[in-house]
C-alpha cells in the first residue's frame, strides 16, 4: 500500500524524532540535558523543529546535529549561544559534520575574571558582592556572559535604588514556579518511556507561560493602582 501523502503545506515528519527520542540519543553525551534545555535552545534559535498536526515538536537529523554542536561548544568552550548560533548559520548543514572545533570560534569564547567582569558591566565591587550574597550570581574564579548580562541589569536597577537583595525574591519565585510545574508533571515524569518524557517536555513551557500570564496580570493590576 502506498503511504499516505503528508498534508499540503505541512512537511512530512518521517525520520524525525520527538523530544524524548532526542533526549535518548543525546543524554549519553550530555547527561545534564533536559527537555526544558531543548525548549530553551529552540527559543534561542539553535534549532527550529517542525510541528505535527497536534502541535508536537519533531526534530530532523540536521536539528540533532545542530544540538550536538551547540551543546559541545557550550560544555567544552563556554561559548555564548549568540556566537554558537552565528557559527551554525555561517556553516549551514555542514556545521556539525566539520571535524573538531574551528579555532576562530573558540577564540571568541569569553570568560571574565572578577575585575574584567566589573569593568565590562560598569559595576562596583560592592554590587557584585551583594549579588553573590543574594544568590543571584554564583561565586567563581571566572564568570560567563550570562553573569555579565545579569550584572549589567543589576547596575541599571541599582541606579534607581533597587538592590540585589530586593530582587532575590524573583529568583525564589522562579524556583517555586518550576517546582509547581514539576509537581503538575509528576505523573509523566515518573514514567520512563520516551513518549511520556516528551509530553512532559511539551507541557512544561506551556505551563510556565500560563504562570507568566497570571503574574503579568497581577503586575498590570498593581501598576494601574500605582499610576491611575
Protein backbone atom coordinates (compact mmCIF):
# COMPACT_ATOMS: atom_id res chain seq x y z
CA UNK A 1 0.00 0.00 0.00
CA UNK A 2 1.34 3.42 -0.90
CA UNK A 3 1.95 5.62 2.18
CA UNK A 4 -0.45 8.50 2.56
CA UNK A 5 0.95 11.82 1.44
CA UNK A 6 1.70 14.46 4.02
CA UNK A 7 -0.96 17.20 4.33
CA UNK A 8 -0.44 20.02 1.86
CA UNK A 9 1.63 22.83 3.35
CA UNK A 10 2.99 20.67 6.18
CA UNK A 11 6.22 18.72 5.68
CA UNK A 12 6.32 15.01 6.47
CA UNK A 13 7.68 14.08 9.89
CA UNK A 14 9.06 10.77 8.63
CA UNK A 15 12.54 10.24 10.04
CA UNK A 16 12.06 12.97 12.62
CA UNK A 17 12.41 12.50 16.39
CA UNK A 18 10.29 13.53 19.35
CA UNK A 19 11.80 15.38 22.29
CA UNK A 20 12.01 12.12 24.22
CA UNK A 21 13.83 10.41 21.37
CA UNK A 22 16.27 13.32 21.05
CA UNK A 23 16.98 13.11 24.77
CA UNK A 24 17.57 9.35 24.48
CA UNK A 25 20.04 9.98 21.68
CA UNK A 26 21.97 12.88 23.25
CA UNK A 27 21.93 12.32 27.00
CA UNK A 28 24.71 9.68 26.87
CA UNK A 29 26.96 12.53 25.65
CA UNK A 30 25.30 15.29 27.65
CA UNK A 31 23.92 13.83 30.92
CA UNK A 32 22.51 17.17 32.12
CA UNK A 33 20.37 17.67 29.02
CA UNK A 34 16.66 18.04 29.75
CA UNK A 35 13.52 18.74 27.77
CA UNK A 36 13.48 22.26 29.21
CA UNK A 37 17.00 22.80 27.91
CA UNK A 38 15.93 21.64 24.43
CA UNK A 39 12.99 24.05 24.54
CA UNK A 40 15.33 26.86 25.59
CA UNK A 41 17.70 26.10 22.70
CA UNK A 42 14.74 26.28 20.34
CA UNK A 43 13.73 29.69 21.73
CA UNK A 44 17.33 30.85 21.24
CA UNK A 45 17.22 29.87 17.56
CA UNK A 46 19.64 26.96 17.73
CA UNK A 47 17.07 24.63 16.17
CA UNK A 48 13.66 25.04 14.57
CA UNK A 49 11.81 21.73 14.84
CA UNK A 50 8.70 21.17 12.77
CA UNK A 51 5.29 20.72 14.41
CA UNK A 52 2.82 17.92 13.89
CA UNK A 53 -0.91 18.50 13.42
CA UNK A 54 -1.35 18.10 17.18
CA UNK A 55 1.46 20.55 17.95
CA UNK A 56 4.21 18.15 18.96
CA UNK A 57 7.77 19.05 18.05
CA UNK A 58 9.65 16.81 15.64
CA UNK A 59 13.41 17.17 15.24
CA UNK A 60 15.17 16.38 11.97
CA UNK A 61 18.62 14.73 11.79
CA UNK A 62 20.02 18.19 11.00
CA UNK A 63 18.39 19.55 14.18
CA UNK A 64 20.04 16.80 16.22
CA UNK A 65 23.41 17.61 14.65
CA UNK A 66 22.99 21.31 15.45
CA UNK A 67 22.09 20.45 19.03
CA UNK A 68 25.15 18.25 19.39
CA UNK A 69 27.43 21.03 18.12
CA UNK A 70 25.79 23.68 20.31
CA UNK A 71 25.98 21.55 23.44
CA UNK A 72 29.61 20.64 22.74
CA UNK A 73 30.60 24.28 22.28
CA UNK A 74 28.81 25.24 25.47
CA UNK A 75 30.29 22.44 27.53
CA UNK A 76 33.86 22.45 26.26
CA UNK A 77 34.43 26.07 25.26
CA UNK A 78 31.88 28.10 27.29
CA UNK A 79 30.65 29.86 24.17
CA UNK A 80 27.58 32.09 24.47
CA UNK A 81 24.55 30.93 22.50
CA UNK A 82 24.59 34.04 20.33
CA UNK A 83 28.04 33.14 18.98
CA UNK A 84 27.06 29.46 18.60
CA UNK A 85 24.01 30.49 16.59
CA UNK A 86 26.16 32.66 14.33
CA UNK A 87 28.57 29.78 13.77
CA UNK A 88 25.75 27.39 12.87
CA UNK A 89 24.24 29.89 10.46
CA UNK A 90 27.61 30.58 8.84
CA UNK A 91 28.34 26.90 8.20
CA UNK A 92 24.82 25.69 7.44
CA UNK A 93 24.05 21.95 7.37
CA UNK A 94 27.75 21.05 7.30
CA UNK A 95 28.50 22.70 10.66
CA UNK A 96 28.05 19.52 12.65
CA UNK A 97 29.96 17.42 10.15
CA UNK A 98 33.13 19.52 10.35
CA UNK A 99 35.83 17.66 12.32
CA UNK A 100 36.88 19.36 15.51
CA UNK A 101 36.06 22.90 16.50
CA UNK A 102 37.48 25.76 14.41
CA UNK A 103 39.96 27.91 16.31
CA UNK A 104 38.20 31.04 15.07
CA UNK A 105 35.07 30.31 17.08
CA UNK A 106 36.89 29.07 20.17
CA UNK A 107 38.88 32.27 20.31
CA UNK A 108 35.66 34.24 20.68
CA UNK A 109 34.71 32.38 23.84
CA UNK A 110 34.89 34.75 26.77
CA UNK A 111 35.28 34.17 30.46
CA UNK A 112 35.65 37.19 32.73
CA UNK A 113 37.85 37.45 35.78
CA UNK A 114 36.36 39.49 38.58
CA UNK A 115 37.96 42.80 37.60
CA UNK A 116 37.13 42.24 33.93
CA UNK A 117 33.52 41.49 34.82
CA UNK A 118 33.22 44.66 36.89
CA UNK A 119 34.74 46.78 34.13
CA UNK A 120 32.59 45.26 31.39
CA UNK A 121 29.42 45.73 33.41
CA UNK A 122 30.34 49.14 34.78
CA UNK A 123 29.68 47.79 38.26
CA UNK A 124 31.20 48.47 41.64
CA UNK A 125 32.72 45.62 43.62
CA UNK A 126 30.10 46.03 46.34
CA UNK A 127 27.27 45.42 43.89
CA UNK A 128 28.84 42.17 42.70
CA UNK A 129 29.39 41.09 46.29
CA UNK A 130 25.75 41.83 47.07
CA UNK A 131 24.62 39.88 44.01
CA UNK A 132 26.68 36.88 45.09
CA UNK A 133 25.40 37.13 48.66
CA UNK A 134 21.82 37.27 47.38
CA UNK A 135 22.38 34.12 45.31
CA UNK A 136 21.83 35.90 42.01
CA UNK A 137 25.36 35.24 40.72
CA UNK A 138 27.45 32.23 41.66
CA UNK A 139 30.89 32.98 43.09
CA UNK A 140 33.65 31.70 40.81
CA UNK A 141 37.15 32.45 39.58
CA UNK A 142 35.74 33.45 36.19
CA UNK A 143 32.27 34.44 35.02
CA UNK A 144 30.38 33.80 31.79
CA UNK A 145 28.30 36.02 29.51
CA UNK A 146 25.13 35.30 31.45
CA UNK A 147 26.69 36.65 34.63
CA UNK A 148 27.79 39.75 32.72
CA UNK A 149 24.30 40.36 31.33
CA UNK A 150 22.73 39.93 34.76
CA UNK A 151 25.25 42.23 36.43
CA UNK A 152 24.59 44.92 33.81
CA UNK A 153 20.87 44.64 34.60
CA UNK A 154 21.61 44.93 38.30
CA UNK A 155 23.66 48.07 37.63
CA UNK A 156 20.67 49.63 35.85
CA UNK A 157 18.33 48.69 38.69
CA UNK A 158 20.77 49.91 41.32
CA UNK A 159 20.68 53.36 39.72
CA UNK A 160 17.03 53.52 40.81
CA UNK A 161 17.65 52.17 44.29
CA UNK A 162 16.69 48.57 43.52
CA UNK A 163 19.42 46.44 45.03
CA UNK A 164 20.22 42.72 44.61
CA UNK A 165 18.61 41.86 47.95
CA UNK A 166 15.38 43.42 46.68
CA UNK A 167 15.17 41.12 43.64
CA UNK A 168 16.28 37.95 45.41
CA UNK A 169 12.60 37.11 45.74
CA UNK A 170 12.30 36.98 41.96
CA UNK A 171 14.70 34.06 41.80
CA UNK A 172 12.92 32.36 44.66
CA UNK A 173 9.59 32.90 42.89
CA UNK A 174 11.02 31.40 39.69
CA UNK A 175 12.19 28.34 41.61
CA UNK A 176 8.73 27.98 43.15
CA UNK A 177 7.15 28.16 39.71
CA UNK A 178 9.45 25.43 38.43
CA UNK A 179 8.57 23.32 41.48
CA UNK A 180 4.88 23.88 40.79
CA UNK A 181 5.29 22.76 37.19
CA UNK A 182 7.37 19.77 38.29
CA UNK A 183 4.59 18.76 40.67
CA UNK A 184 1.96 19.10 37.94
CA UNK A 185 4.03 16.95 35.59
CA UNK A 186 4.96 14.36 38.22
CA UNK A 187 2.71 11.62 36.75
CA UNK A 188 4.52 11.95 33.42
CA UNK A 189 7.98 12.42 34.90
CA UNK A 190 7.64 9.21 36.91
CA UNK A 191 7.30 7.23 33.71
CA UNK A 192 10.38 6.09 31.85
CA UNK A 193 9.00 5.80 28.32
CA UNK A 194 10.12 8.34 25.74
CA UNK A 195 6.56 9.39 24.87
CA UNK A 196 5.77 10.43 28.44
CA UNK A 197 9.05 12.29 28.85
CA UNK A 198 8.46 14.01 25.53
CA UNK A 199 4.94 15.01 26.54
CA UNK A 200 6.29 16.47 29.79
CA UNK A 201 8.80 18.46 27.74
CA UNK A 202 5.96 19.84 25.63
CA UNK A 203 3.80 20.77 28.60
CA UNK A 204 6.44 22.40 30.82
CA UNK A 205 6.96 25.54 28.69
CA UNK A 206 3.21 25.88 28.23
CA UNK A 207 2.57 25.74 31.98
CA UNK A 208 5.34 28.26 32.63
CA UNK A 209 3.84 30.55 30.00
CA UNK A 210 0.46 30.35 31.74
CA UNK A 211 2.09 31.18 35.06
CA UNK A 212 3.78 34.16 33.37
CA UNK A 213 0.36 35.35 32.21
CA UNK A 214 -1.00 35.15 35.75
CA UNK A 215 1.96 37.09 37.12
CA UNK A 216 1.69 39.69 34.35
CA UNK A 217 -1.98 40.18 35.18
CA UNK A 218 -1.15 40.87 38.83
CA UNK A 219 1.66 43.26 37.85
CA UNK A 220 -0.55 45.22 35.45
CA UNK A 221 -3.28 45.49 38.07
CA UNK A 222 -0.76 46.79 40.62
CA UNK A 223 0.60 49.33 38.12
CA UNK A 224 -2.90 50.60 37.45
CA UNK A 225 -3.33 51.25 41.17
CA UNK A 226 0.07 52.96 41.29
CA UNK A 227 -0.41 55.01 38.10
CA UNK A 228 -4.18 55.50 37.71
